[in-house]
Amino acid sequence: MKDPFASSIDKSNKGPFKLLVHICCGPCSVYPLKALLAGRAEVSGFFHNPNIHPYSEFKKRLEAAKTLARHLGIDVVFDERYMPRGFIKGVKAKAADLAKSRSEGPANPAAEERFPSKSLRCAYCYSSRLEATARAALEGGFDAFTSTLLYSTSQGHDEIKALGVDLARKYGILFYYEDFRKGWQQGLDETRAIGLYRQRYCGCIYSRIERGPVKKKS
């Protein structure tokens, strides 16, 4: 049975619909936004990424998103607050809750809390940003919400889709699903053509540590 909260919008209905798109970064948003703008959606963006660290990186990604918004001529709400402490606190709380829920707990609960596993912190990162988007869509009178996270070939695509559907049920608003990965190369090519800043790690402090030293381009 088709889930009413996960849809690509009934194509038999030719009317426009208001769609709020979570923008994770400029490069990952080029193809999804252009594809959506070519359809019948009335597209608006929502930049909300408290995971990004350090501040210099946050500013670069914020400016890249603003450049893209100007280039495409779309309205975007920019959450310009730099909030890595809140993100880290949320990740650690999720790690602690998970440890309590396990019958035996992790092999080393203290270590898990200090440096949570990738799967745990990504789950929190996806859900927290998607939930903020769902709330903003509901409050803003949108018909549906989605995320450019669905473009990345490096993210947990199925997990993001499932979380989106769960949040759609929770807030009573449609989650627009589309597999934007099909436009991966096109997005890269257009990102280069526009001259957008392209990051070299996912975004959070944990991924920055795992990535190792990031060499400055000469």
N, C-alpha and C. Protein backbone atom coordinates (compact mmCIF):
# COMPACT_ATOMS: atom_id res chain seq x y z
N MET A 1 0.85 -1.20 0.00
CA MET A 1 0.00 0.00 0.00
C MET A 1 0.88 1.25 0.00
N LYS A 2 0.54 2.19 -0.85
CA LYS A 2 1.34 3.40 -0.98
C LYS A 2 1.22 4.28 0.27
N ASP A 3 2.35 4.72 0.77
CA ASP A 3 2.35 5.57 1.95
C ASP A 3 1.94 6.98 1.55
N PRO A 4 0.88 7.54 2.13
CA PRO A 4 0.43 8.87 1.73
C PRO A 4 1.38 9.99 2.11
N PHE A 5 2.34 9.70 2.99
CA PHE A 5 3.27 10.75 3.39
C PHE A 5 4.59 10.70 2.62
N ALA A 6 4.78 9.71 1.74
CA ALA A 6 5.98 9.63 0.92
C ALA A 6 5.55 9.57 -0.53
N SER A 7 5.71 10.65 -1.25
CA SER A 7 5.21 10.70 -2.61
C SER A 7 6.04 11.65 -3.45
N SER A 8 6.05 11.39 -4.75
CA SER A 8 6.66 12.31 -5.69
C SER A 8 5.60 13.27 -6.22
N ILE A 9 4.48 13.35 -5.54
CA ILE A 9 3.31 14.16 -5.87
C ILE A 9 2.58 13.53 -7.05
N ASP A 10 1.32 13.29 -6.86
CA ASP A 10 0.49 12.65 -7.88
C ASP A 10 0.57 13.43 -9.19
N LYS A 11 1.16 12.80 -10.20
CA LYS A 11 1.39 13.49 -11.46
C LYS A 11 0.10 13.73 -12.25
N SER A 12 -1.00 13.13 -11.80
CA SER A 12 -2.28 13.40 -12.46
C SER A 12 -2.83 14.76 -12.04
N ASN A 13 -2.30 15.26 -10.95
CA ASN A 13 -2.70 16.58 -10.46
C ASN A 13 -1.74 17.60 -11.03
N LYS A 14 -2.23 18.47 -11.90
CA LYS A 14 -1.35 19.39 -12.62
C LYS A 14 -1.12 20.71 -11.88
N GLY A 15 -1.75 20.87 -10.75
CA GLY A 15 -1.61 22.13 -10.04
C GLY A 15 -0.27 22.28 -9.36
N PRO A 16 0.16 23.51 -9.06
CA PRO A 16 1.44 23.74 -8.38
C PRO A 16 1.35 23.36 -6.91
N PHE A 17 2.47 23.13 -6.29
CA PHE A 17 2.50 22.87 -4.87
C PHE A 17 3.71 23.56 -4.26
N LYS A 18 3.56 23.99 -3.02
CA LYS A 18 4.63 24.71 -2.33
C LYS A 18 5.56 23.71 -1.64
N LEU A 19 6.82 23.79 -1.99
CA LEU A 19 7.82 22.84 -1.50
C LEU A 19 8.96 23.56 -0.80
N LEU A 20 9.25 23.16 0.43
CA LEU A 20 10.39 23.70 1.17
C LEU A 20 11.53 22.69 1.08
N VAL A 21 12.68 23.14 0.57
CA VAL A 21 13.82 22.27 0.34
C VAL A 21 14.94 22.58 1.33
N HIS A 22 15.28 21.60 2.15
CA HIS A 22 16.43 21.77 3.02
C HIS A 22 17.70 21.77 2.17
N ILE A 23 18.51 22.81 2.33
CA ILE A 23 19.76 22.95 1.58
C ILE A 23 20.91 22.58 2.49
N CYS A 24 21.55 21.45 2.20
CA CYS A 24 22.66 21.02 3.06
C CYS A 24 23.95 21.75 2.71
N CYS A 25 24.13 22.09 1.42
CA CYS A 25 25.30 22.85 0.97
C CYS A 25 25.05 23.27 -0.47
N GLY A 26 25.87 24.17 -0.99
CA GLY A 26 25.69 24.64 -2.35
C GLY A 26 25.84 23.55 -3.41
N PRO A 27 26.97 22.85 -3.43
CA PRO A 27 27.20 21.84 -4.47
C PRO A 27 26.14 20.74 -4.54
N CYS A 28 25.66 20.29 -3.39
CA CYS A 28 24.65 19.23 -3.37
C CYS A 28 23.26 19.74 -3.72
N SER A 29 23.12 21.04 -3.86
CA SER A 29 21.79 21.62 -4.10
C SER A 29 21.57 22.04 -5.54
N VAL A 30 22.63 22.14 -6.32
CA VAL A 30 22.50 22.63 -7.69
C VAL A 30 21.53 21.79 -8.50
N TYR A 31 21.81 20.49 -8.61
CA TYR A 31 20.95 19.63 -9.43
C TYR A 31 19.54 19.50 -8.87
N PRO A 32 19.36 19.20 -7.58
CA PRO A 32 18.00 19.06 -7.06
C PRO A 32 17.14 20.31 -7.26
N LEU A 33 17.72 21.48 -6.97
CA LEU A 33 16.94 22.71 -7.09
C LEU A 33 16.56 23.00 -8.54
N LYS A 34 17.51 22.80 -9.45
CA LYS A 34 17.22 23.05 -10.86
C LYS A 34 16.17 22.07 -11.38
N ALA A 35 16.26 20.82 -10.94
CA ALA A 35 15.29 19.81 -11.36
C ALA A 35 13.90 20.15 -10.83
N LEU A 36 13.82 20.59 -9.60
CA LEU A 36 12.54 20.92 -9.00
C LEU A 36 11.95 22.19 -9.62
N LEU A 37 12.80 23.16 -9.91
CA LEU A 37 12.33 24.39 -10.52
C LEU A 37 11.80 24.16 -11.94
N ALA A 38 12.30 23.10 -12.59
CA ALA A 38 11.85 22.77 -13.94
C ALA A 38 10.48 22.10 -13.92
N GLY A 39 10.03 21.67 -12.74
CA GLY A 39 8.73 21.04 -12.60
C GLY A 39 7.68 22.05 -12.22
N ARG A 40 6.69 21.61 -11.46
CA ARG A 40 5.59 22.51 -11.11
C ARG A 40 5.62 22.94 -9.65
N ALA A 41 6.70 22.62 -8.97
CA ALA A 41 6.80 23.02 -7.56
C ALA A 41 7.13 24.50 -7.44
N GLU A 42 6.52 25.13 -6.44
CA GLU A 42 6.91 26.49 -6.05
C GLU A 42 7.97 26.31 -4.98
N VAL A 43 9.23 26.44 -5.38
CA VAL A 43 10.36 26.04 -4.55
C VAL A 43 10.89 27.18 -3.69
N SER A 44 11.08 26.88 -2.41
CA SER A 44 11.78 27.77 -1.49
C SER A 44 12.82 26.94 -0.76
N GLY A 45 13.89 27.58 -0.31
CA GLY A 45 14.96 26.86 0.36
C GLY A 45 15.03 27.15 1.85
N PHE A 46 15.71 26.26 2.56
CA PHE A 46 15.88 26.40 4.00
C PHE A 46 17.28 25.90 4.35
N PHE A 47 18.17 26.84 4.66
CA PHE A 47 19.55 26.49 5.03
C PHE A 47 19.62 26.41 6.55
N HIS A 48 19.75 25.19 7.04
CA HIS A 48 19.83 24.95 8.48
C HIS A 48 20.79 23.79 8.69
N ASN A 49 22.01 24.12 9.14
CA ASN A 49 23.06 23.11 9.25
C ASN A 49 23.95 23.36 10.47
N PRO A 50 23.42 23.09 11.66
CA PRO A 50 24.19 23.33 12.89
C PRO A 50 25.35 22.37 13.08
N ASN A 51 25.45 21.39 12.21
CA ASN A 51 26.54 20.41 12.30
C ASN A 51 27.88 20.95 11.83
N ILE A 52 27.87 21.97 11.00
CA ILE A 52 29.11 22.39 10.32
C ILE A 52 30.09 23.07 11.27
N HIS A 53 31.35 22.67 11.16
CA HIS A 53 32.44 23.17 12.00
C HIS A 53 33.73 23.11 11.20
N PRO A 54 34.64 24.09 11.37
CA PRO A 54 34.61 25.25 12.26
C PRO A 54 33.83 26.42 11.64
N TYR A 55 33.89 27.56 12.31
CA TYR A 55 33.12 28.72 11.86
C TYR A 55 33.53 29.16 10.46
N SER A 56 34.83 29.11 10.16
CA SER A 56 35.30 29.52 8.84
C SER A 56 34.67 28.66 7.75
N GLU A 57 34.51 27.37 8.03
CA GLU A 57 33.89 26.45 7.07
C GLU A 57 32.39 26.74 6.97
N PHE A 58 31.76 27.01 8.10
CA PHE A 58 30.34 27.35 8.10
C PHE A 58 30.07 28.56 7.23
N LYS A 59 30.91 29.59 7.34
CA LYS A 59 30.74 30.81 6.56
C LYS A 59 30.90 30.54 5.07
N LYS A 60 31.85 29.70 4.71
CA LYS A 60 32.06 29.37 3.29
C LYS A 60 30.84 28.67 2.71
N ARG A 61 30.29 27.73 3.46
CA ARG A 61 29.13 26.98 2.96
C ARG A 61 27.88 27.85 2.92
N LEU A 62 27.76 28.72 3.90
CA LEU A 62 26.64 29.65 3.92
C LEU A 62 26.70 30.58 2.71
N GLU A 63 27.87 31.12 2.42
CA GLU A 63 28.02 32.02 1.28
C GLU A 63 27.80 31.29 -0.03
N ALA A 64 28.23 30.04 -0.11
CA ALA A 64 28.00 29.26 -1.33
C ALA A 64 26.50 29.06 -1.56
N ALA A 65 25.76 28.81 -0.49
CA ALA A 65 24.32 28.64 -0.60
C ALA A 65 23.65 29.95 -1.02
N LYS A 66 24.13 31.07 -0.51
CA LYS A 66 23.59 32.37 -0.89
C LYS A 66 23.87 32.68 -2.36
N THR A 67 25.08 32.32 -2.80
CA THR A 67 25.44 32.52 -4.20
C THR A 67 24.52 31.72 -5.11
N LEU A 68 24.26 30.48 -4.74
CA LEU A 68 23.38 29.63 -5.53
C LEU A 68 21.95 30.17 -5.54
N ALA A 69 21.48 30.64 -4.40
CA ALA A 69 20.12 31.19 -4.32
C ALA A 69 19.97 32.38 -5.26
N ARG A 70 20.98 33.24 -5.30
CA ARG A 70 20.95 34.39 -6.21
C ARG A 70 20.99 33.93 -7.66
N HIS A 71 21.82 32.93 -7.93
CA HIS A 71 21.99 32.41 -9.29
C HIS A 71 20.68 31.83 -9.81
N LEU A 72 19.95 31.13 -8.96
CA LEU A 72 18.70 30.48 -9.38
C LEU A 72 17.48 31.37 -9.18
N GLY A 73 17.65 32.43 -8.41
CA GLY A 73 16.54 33.35 -8.17
C GLY A 73 15.45 32.77 -7.29
N ILE A 74 15.85 32.04 -6.24
CA ILE A 74 14.85 31.46 -5.34
C ILE A 74 14.96 32.08 -3.95
N ASP A 75 13.84 32.05 -3.24
CA ASP A 75 13.81 32.54 -1.87
C ASP A 75 14.34 31.46 -0.93
N VAL A 76 15.24 31.84 -0.06
CA VAL A 76 15.82 30.91 0.90
C VAL A 76 15.84 31.55 2.29
N VAL A 77 15.40 30.78 3.27
CA VAL A 77 15.53 31.21 4.67
C VAL A 77 16.88 30.68 5.15
N PHE A 78 17.75 31.58 5.56
CA PHE A 78 19.08 31.19 6.01
C PHE A 78 19.17 31.26 7.53
N ASP A 79 19.37 30.12 8.14
CA ASP A 79 19.63 30.06 9.57
C ASP A 79 21.14 30.27 9.72
N GLU A 80 21.54 31.47 10.07
CA GLU A 80 22.96 31.83 10.08
C GLU A 80 23.61 31.62 11.44
N ARG A 81 22.91 30.95 12.33
CA ARG A 81 23.49 30.68 13.64
C ARG A 81 24.52 29.56 13.55
N TYR A 82 25.65 29.81 14.18
CA TYR A 82 26.72 28.80 14.25
C TYR A 82 26.54 28.05 15.56
N MET A 83 26.13 26.77 15.49
CA MET A 83 25.70 26.07 16.70
C MET A 83 26.31 24.68 16.87
N PRO A 84 27.62 24.52 16.73
CA PRO A 84 28.21 23.19 16.85
C PRO A 84 28.08 22.59 18.26
N ARG A 85 28.04 23.45 19.28
CA ARG A 85 27.92 22.91 20.65
C ARG A 85 26.60 22.19 20.83
N GLY A 86 25.53 22.77 20.30
CA GLY A 86 24.23 22.13 20.39
C GLY A 86 24.20 20.81 19.62
N PHE A 87 24.87 20.80 18.47
CA PHE A 87 24.93 19.58 17.67
C PHE A 87 25.69 18.48 18.41
N ILE A 88 26.84 18.82 18.97
CA ILE A 88 27.64 17.83 19.70
C ILE A 88 26.88 17.32 20.92
N LYS A 89 26.20 18.24 21.61
CA LYS A 89 25.41 17.84 22.78
C LYS A 89 24.31 16.86 22.36
N GLY A 90 23.67 17.12 21.23
CA GLY A 90 22.62 16.24 20.75
C GLY A 90 23.15 14.87 20.37
N VAL A 91 24.31 14.84 19.73
CA VAL A 91 24.93 13.57 19.34
C VAL A 91 25.28 12.74 20.58
N LYS A 92 25.85 13.41 21.58
CA LYS A 92 26.24 12.69 22.80
C LYS A 92 25.01 12.17 23.55
N ALA A 93 23.94 12.95 23.53
CA ALA A 93 22.71 12.52 24.20
C ALA A 93 22.15 11.29 23.50
N LYS A 94 22.22 11.27 22.17
CA LYS A 94 21.75 10.11 21.42
C LYS A 94 22.61 8.89 21.73
N ALA A 95 23.93 9.11 21.88
CA ALA A 95 24.84 8.01 22.21
C ALA A 95 24.52 7.45 23.58
N ALA A 96 24.24 8.34 24.52
CA ALA A 96 23.91 7.90 25.88
C ALA A 96 22.59 7.13 25.91
N ASP A 97 21.61 7.62 25.15
CA ASP A 97 20.31 6.95 25.09
C ASP A 97 20.44 5.56 24.46
N LEU A 98 21.27 5.47 23.45
CA LEU A 98 21.47 4.19 22.79
C LEU A 98 22.13 3.19 23.72
N ALA A 99 23.11 3.67 24.47
CA ALA A 99 23.81 2.80 25.41
C ALA A 99 22.85 2.25 26.46
N LYS A 100 21.92 3.08 26.92
CA LYS A 100 20.95 2.66 27.93
C LYS A 100 19.96 1.65 27.36
N SER A 101 19.65 1.81 26.07
CA SER A 101 18.65 0.94 25.46
C SER A 101 19.18 -0.45 25.14
N ARG A 102 20.49 -0.57 25.05
CA ARG A 102 21.09 -1.86 24.75
C ARG A 102 21.17 -2.72 26.01
N SER A 103 20.90 -3.98 25.86
CA SER A 103 20.93 -4.87 27.03
C SER A 103 22.33 -4.98 27.61
N GLU A 104 23.31 -4.98 26.74
CA GLU A 104 24.69 -5.11 27.22
C GLU A 104 25.44 -3.79 27.10
N GLY A 105 24.95 -2.91 26.27
CA GLY A 105 25.60 -1.63 26.08
C GLY A 105 26.82 -1.76 25.19
N PRO A 106 27.39 -0.65 24.72
CA PRO A 106 28.58 -0.71 23.88
C PRO A 106 29.77 -1.24 24.67
N ALA A 107 30.76 -1.68 23.97
CA ALA A 107 31.94 -2.23 24.62
C ALA A 107 32.58 -1.21 25.54
N ASN A 108 32.53 0.04 25.15
CA ASN A 108 33.12 1.11 25.94
C ASN A 108 32.21 2.33 25.87
N PRO A 109 31.23 2.44 26.76
CA PRO A 109 30.28 3.55 26.70
C PRO A 109 30.93 4.93 26.74
N ALA A 110 31.98 5.08 27.54
CA ALA A 110 32.65 6.38 27.64
C ALA A 110 33.27 6.77 26.31
N ALA A 111 33.90 5.80 25.65
CA ALA A 111 34.52 6.07 24.36
C ALA A 111 33.47 6.40 23.31
N GLU A 112 32.32 5.69 23.37
CA GLU A 112 31.23 5.94 22.42
C GLU A 112 30.70 7.35 22.58
N GLU A 113 30.64 7.83 23.81
CA GLU A 113 30.14 9.18 24.04
C GLU A 113 31.15 10.23 23.61
N ARG A 114 32.46 9.94 23.83
CA ARG A 114 33.49 10.89 23.43
C ARG A 114 33.58 11.01 21.92
N PHE A 115 33.54 9.90 21.23
CA PHE A 115 33.64 9.91 19.77
C PHE A 115 32.63 8.91 19.22
N PRO A 116 31.37 9.34 19.08
CA PRO A 116 30.30 8.44 18.63
C PRO A 116 30.58 7.85 17.25
N SER A 117 30.03 6.70 17.01
CA SER A 117 30.20 6.04 15.72
C SER A 117 29.58 6.87 14.61
N LYS A 118 30.06 6.66 13.41
CA LYS A 118 29.56 7.40 12.26
C LYS A 118 28.06 7.19 12.06
N SER A 119 27.62 5.95 12.20
CA SER A 119 26.20 5.66 11.98
C SER A 119 25.31 6.40 12.99
N LEU A 120 25.77 6.49 14.22
CA LEU A 120 24.99 7.15 15.26
C LEU A 120 24.94 8.66 15.03
N ARG A 121 26.06 9.26 14.80
CA ARG A 121 26.07 10.72 14.65
C ARG A 121 25.40 11.16 13.35
N CYS A 122 25.52 10.36 12.29
CA CYS A 122 24.84 10.70 11.04
C CYS A 122 23.33 10.59 11.20
N ALA A 123 22.89 9.59 11.94
CA ALA A 123 21.45 9.44 12.18
C ALA A 123 20.90 10.67 12.88
N TYR A 124 21.63 11.16 13.87
CA TYR A 124 21.19 12.36 14.59
C TYR A 124 21.24 13.58 13.65
N CYS A 125 22.30 13.67 12.87
CA CYS A 125 22.48 14.80 11.97
C CYS A 125 21.35 14.87 10.94
N TYR A 126 21.02 13.73 10.35
CA TYR A 126 19.91 13.69 9.39
C TYR A 126 18.59 14.08 10.05
N SER A 127 18.29 13.41 11.16
CA SER A 127 16.98 13.59 11.78
C SER A 127 16.78 15.00 12.32
N SER A 128 17.81 15.59 12.92
CA SER A 128 17.65 16.92 13.49
C SER A 128 17.42 17.98 12.42
N ARG A 129 18.13 17.87 11.31
CA ARG A 129 17.97 18.85 10.24
C ARG A 129 16.65 18.64 9.48
N LEU A 130 16.29 17.39 9.26
CA LEU A 130 15.02 17.12 8.59
C LEU A 130 13.83 17.55 9.45
N GLU A 131 13.95 17.33 10.76
CA GLU A 131 12.85 17.73 11.64
C GLU A 131 12.68 19.24 11.66
N ALA A 132 13.79 19.96 11.68
CA ALA A 132 13.71 21.42 11.64
C ALA A 132 13.05 21.88 10.34
N THR A 133 13.33 21.18 9.25
CA THR A 133 12.74 21.52 7.96
C THR A 133 11.25 21.23 7.95
N ALA A 134 10.86 20.08 8.50
CA ALA A 134 9.45 19.72 8.56
C ALA A 134 8.66 20.75 9.37
N ARG A 135 9.22 21.18 10.50
CA ARG A 135 8.54 22.18 11.33
C ARG A 135 8.42 23.51 10.58
N ALA A 136 9.51 23.90 9.91
CA ALA A 136 9.49 25.16 9.18
C ALA A 136 8.48 25.11 8.03
N ALA A 137 8.38 23.94 7.38
CA ALA A 137 7.43 23.79 6.28
C ALA A 137 5.99 23.90 6.78
N LEU A 138 5.74 23.25 7.90
CA LEU A 138 4.39 23.28 8.48
C LEU A 138 4.02 24.70 8.90
N GLU A 139 4.95 25.36 9.58
CA GLU A 139 4.69 26.72 10.05
C GLU A 139 4.57 27.71 8.90
N GLY A 140 5.27 27.42 7.78
CA GLY A 140 5.25 28.34 6.65
C GLY A 140 4.15 28.07 5.65
N GLY A 141 3.30 27.09 5.92
CA GLY A 141 2.19 26.82 5.03
C GLY A 141 2.57 26.10 3.75
N PHE A 142 3.64 25.31 3.79
CA PHE A 142 4.07 24.56 2.61
C PHE A 142 3.27 23.25 2.51
N ASP A 143 3.22 22.72 1.30
CA ASP A 143 2.53 21.45 1.08
C ASP A 143 3.44 20.26 1.35
N ALA A 144 4.74 20.46 1.22
CA ALA A 144 5.68 19.35 1.36
C ALA A 144 7.07 19.87 1.69
N PHE A 145 7.92 18.97 2.14
CA PHE A 145 9.33 19.29 2.39
C PHE A 145 10.20 18.19 1.84
N THR A 146 11.46 18.53 1.59
CA THR A 146 12.43 17.55 1.13
C THR A 146 13.83 18.05 1.47
N SER A 147 14.87 17.35 1.02
CA SER A 147 16.24 17.75 1.34
C SER A 147 17.18 17.41 0.20
N THR A 148 18.16 18.27 -0.01
CA THR A 148 19.18 18.01 -1.02
C THR A 148 20.16 16.93 -0.55
N LEU A 149 20.00 16.46 0.67
CA LEU A 149 20.78 15.30 1.13
C LEU A 149 20.51 14.09 0.24
N LEU A 150 19.36 14.07 -0.42
CA LEU A 150 18.98 12.97 -1.30
C LEU A 150 19.78 12.95 -2.60
N TYR A 151 20.63 13.97 -2.80
CA TYR A 151 21.49 14.03 -3.98
C TYR A 151 22.82 13.31 -3.78
N SER A 152 23.32 13.34 -2.57
CA SER A 152 24.66 12.84 -2.30
C SER A 152 24.78 11.33 -2.43
N THR A 153 25.84 10.90 -3.07
CA THR A 153 26.13 9.47 -3.18
C THR A 153 26.90 8.97 -1.96
N SER A 154 27.22 9.87 -1.05
CA SER A 154 28.00 9.52 0.14
C SER A 154 27.15 9.40 1.40
N GLN A 155 25.90 9.83 1.32
CA GLN A 155 25.04 9.83 2.50
C GLN A 155 24.17 8.57 2.54
N GLY A 156 23.53 8.34 3.69
CA GLY A 156 22.66 7.19 3.86
C GLY A 156 21.30 7.46 3.23
N HIS A 157 21.20 7.26 1.94
CA HIS A 157 20.01 7.64 1.17
C HIS A 157 18.73 7.02 1.72
N ASP A 158 18.73 5.72 1.90
CA ASP A 158 17.51 5.05 2.39
C ASP A 158 17.14 5.49 3.79
N GLU A 159 18.16 5.75 4.61
CA GLU A 159 17.90 6.23 5.97
C GLU A 159 17.27 7.61 5.95
N ILE A 160 17.76 8.47 5.08
CA ILE A 160 17.21 9.83 4.95
C ILE A 160 15.76 9.77 4.50
N LYS A 161 15.48 8.91 3.52
CA LYS A 161 14.11 8.76 3.03
C LYS A 161 13.19 8.28 4.15
N ALA A 162 13.63 7.26 4.90
CA ALA A 162 12.81 6.71 5.98
C ALA A 162 12.55 7.75 7.06
N LEU A 163 13.58 8.52 7.42
CA LEU A 163 13.41 9.57 8.42
C LEU A 163 12.44 10.63 7.94
N GLY A 164 12.54 10.99 6.66
CA GLY A 164 11.63 11.98 6.10
C GLY A 164 10.18 11.54 6.18
N VAL A 165 9.94 10.28 5.88
CA VAL A 165 8.58 9.73 5.94
C VAL A 165 8.07 9.72 7.38
N ASP A 166 8.93 9.31 8.32
CA ASP A 166 8.54 9.29 9.74
C ASP A 166 8.16 10.69 10.22
N LEU A 167 8.95 11.67 9.81
CA LEU A 167 8.67 13.05 10.23
C LEU A 167 7.42 13.59 9.55
N ALA A 168 7.17 13.15 8.33
CA ALA A 168 5.95 13.56 7.63
C ALA A 168 4.73 13.09 8.40
N ARG A 169 4.79 11.85 8.87
CA ARG A 169 3.68 11.31 9.67
C ARG A 169 3.53 12.11 10.98
N LYS A 170 4.68 12.42 11.59
CA LYS A 170 4.65 13.11 12.88
C LYS A 170 4.02 14.50 12.76
N TYR A 171 4.36 15.21 11.67
CA TYR A 171 3.89 16.59 11.53
C TYR A 171 2.69 16.74 10.59
N GLY A 172 2.29 15.64 9.95
CA GLY A 172 1.13 15.70 9.06
C GLY A 172 1.36 16.52 7.82
N ILE A 173 2.56 16.43 7.25
CA ILE A 173 2.90 17.16 6.04
C ILE A 173 3.64 16.20 5.10
N LEU A 174 3.47 16.38 3.82
CA LEU A 174 4.04 15.45 2.84
C LEU A 174 5.55 15.55 2.77
N PHE A 175 6.21 14.41 2.70
CA PHE A 175 7.64 14.36 2.42
C PHE A 175 7.81 14.07 0.95
N TYR A 176 8.41 15.01 0.22
CA TYR A 176 8.63 14.82 -1.21
C TYR A 176 9.91 14.01 -1.40
N TYR A 177 9.76 12.85 -1.99
CA TYR A 177 10.93 12.01 -2.23
C TYR A 177 11.26 11.93 -3.72
N GLU A 178 12.54 12.12 -4.01
CA GLU A 178 13.06 11.90 -5.36
C GLU A 178 14.53 11.51 -5.23
N ASP A 179 14.94 10.56 -6.02
CA ASP A 179 16.34 10.13 -5.99
C ASP A 179 17.13 11.05 -6.91
N PHE A 180 17.74 12.07 -6.30
CA PHE A 180 18.49 13.05 -7.09
C PHE A 180 19.90 12.57 -7.46
N ARG A 181 20.28 11.40 -7.00
CA ARG A 181 21.62 10.89 -7.31
C ARG A 181 21.84 10.68 -8.79
N LYS A 182 20.74 10.55 -9.54
CA LYS A 182 20.86 10.36 -10.99
C LYS A 182 21.52 11.57 -11.66
N GLY A 183 21.49 12.72 -10.99
CA GLY A 183 22.10 13.92 -11.56
C GLY A 183 23.44 14.27 -10.94
N TRP A 184 24.10 13.27 -10.36
CA TRP A 184 25.37 13.51 -9.64
C TRP A 184 26.39 14.24 -10.49
N GLN A 185 26.70 13.70 -11.66
CA GLN A 185 27.74 14.31 -12.50
C GLN A 185 27.30 15.67 -13.03
N GLN A 186 26.05 15.78 -13.41
CA GLN A 186 25.55 17.06 -13.88
C GLN A 186 25.68 18.13 -12.80
N GLY A 187 25.39 17.73 -11.57
CA GLY A 187 25.52 18.68 -10.46
C GLY A 187 26.95 19.13 -10.26
N LEU A 188 27.90 18.18 -10.36
CA LEU A 188 29.31 18.52 -10.22
C LEU A 188 29.75 19.49 -11.31
N ASP A 189 29.35 19.19 -12.54
CA ASP A 189 29.74 20.04 -13.67
C ASP A 189 29.19 21.45 -13.52
N GLU A 190 27.95 21.57 -13.10
CA GLU A 190 27.34 22.89 -12.98
C GLU A 190 27.89 23.64 -11.77
N THR A 191 28.28 22.90 -10.73
CA THR A 191 28.91 23.53 -9.57
C THR A 191 30.21 24.21 -9.98
N ARG A 192 30.99 23.50 -10.78
CA ARG A 192 32.26 24.07 -11.28
C ARG A 192 32.00 25.27 -12.18
N ALA A 193 30.98 25.18 -13.03
CA ALA A 193 30.67 26.27 -13.94
C ALA A 193 30.26 27.54 -13.20
N ILE A 194 29.50 27.35 -12.11
CA ILE A 194 29.05 28.50 -11.31
C ILE A 194 30.20 29.04 -10.47
N GLY A 195 31.13 28.16 -10.11
CA GLY A 195 32.26 28.56 -9.27
C GLY A 195 31.95 28.50 -7.79
N LEU A 196 31.06 27.59 -7.40
CA LEU A 196 30.72 27.46 -5.99
C LEU A 196 31.85 26.82 -5.20
N TYR A 197 31.95 27.21 -3.95
CA TYR A 197 32.90 26.58 -3.04
C TYR A 197 32.52 25.12 -2.85
N ARG A 198 33.49 24.22 -2.98
CA ARG A 198 33.25 22.78 -2.81
C ARG A 198 34.02 22.29 -1.59
N GLN A 199 33.30 21.83 -0.59
CA GLN A 199 33.91 21.37 0.65
C GLN A 199 34.65 20.05 0.45
N ARG A 200 35.53 19.75 1.41
CA ARG A 200 36.34 18.55 1.28
C ARG A 200 36.09 17.54 2.40
N TYR A 201 35.08 17.79 3.21
CA TYR A 201 34.64 16.82 4.20
C TYR A 201 33.17 17.08 4.49
N CYS A 202 32.51 16.13 5.15
CA CYS A 202 31.06 16.18 5.28
C CYS A 202 30.58 17.44 6.00
N GLY A 203 31.17 17.76 7.15
CA GLY A 203 30.77 18.99 7.81
C GLY A 203 31.00 19.07 9.30
N CYS A 204 30.71 17.99 10.04
CA CYS A 204 30.81 18.08 11.50
C CYS A 204 32.25 17.91 11.98
N ILE A 205 32.45 18.19 13.25
CA ILE A 205 33.79 18.10 13.82
C ILE A 205 34.34 16.68 13.76
N TYR A 206 33.45 15.70 13.88
CA TYR A 206 33.88 14.31 13.84
C TYR A 206 34.39 13.94 12.44
N SER A 207 33.66 14.35 11.41
CA SER A 207 34.09 14.05 10.04
C SER A 207 35.35 14.83 9.69
N ARG A 208 35.49 16.01 10.30
CA ARG A 208 36.71 16.81 10.06
C ARG A 208 37.93 16.10 10.64
N ILE A 209 37.78 15.53 11.82
CA ILE A 209 38.87 14.79 12.45
C ILE A 209 39.21 13.55 11.64
N GLU A 210 38.19 12.82 11.21
CA GLU A 210 38.41 11.60 10.43
C GLU A 210 39.03 11.89 9.07
N ARG A 211 38.71 13.04 8.51
CA ARG A 211 39.26 13.42 7.20
C ARG A 211 40.74 13.69 7.28
N GLY A 212 41.22 14.16 8.43
CA GLY A 212 42.62 14.50 8.58
C GLY A 212 42.90 15.91 8.08
N PRO A 213 44.16 16.28 8.00
CA PRO A 213 44.52 17.65 7.57
C PRO A 213 43.95 17.98 6.19
N VAL A 214 43.32 19.13 6.10
CA VAL A 214 42.79 19.59 4.81
C VAL A 214 43.75 20.61 4.26
N LYS A 215 44.41 20.25 3.17
CA LYS A 215 45.40 21.14 2.58
C LYS A 215 44.72 22.31 1.87
N LYS A 216 45.29 23.48 2.05
CA LYS A 216 44.76 24.66 1.39
C LYS A 216 45.16 24.63 -0.08
N LYS A 217 44.22 25.03 -0.92
CA LYS A 217 44.53 25.07 -2.35
C LYS A 217 45.46 26.23 -2.63
N SER A 218 46.47 25.97 -3.44
CA SER A 218 47.45 27.01 -3.76
C SER A 218 46.88 27.96 -4.82
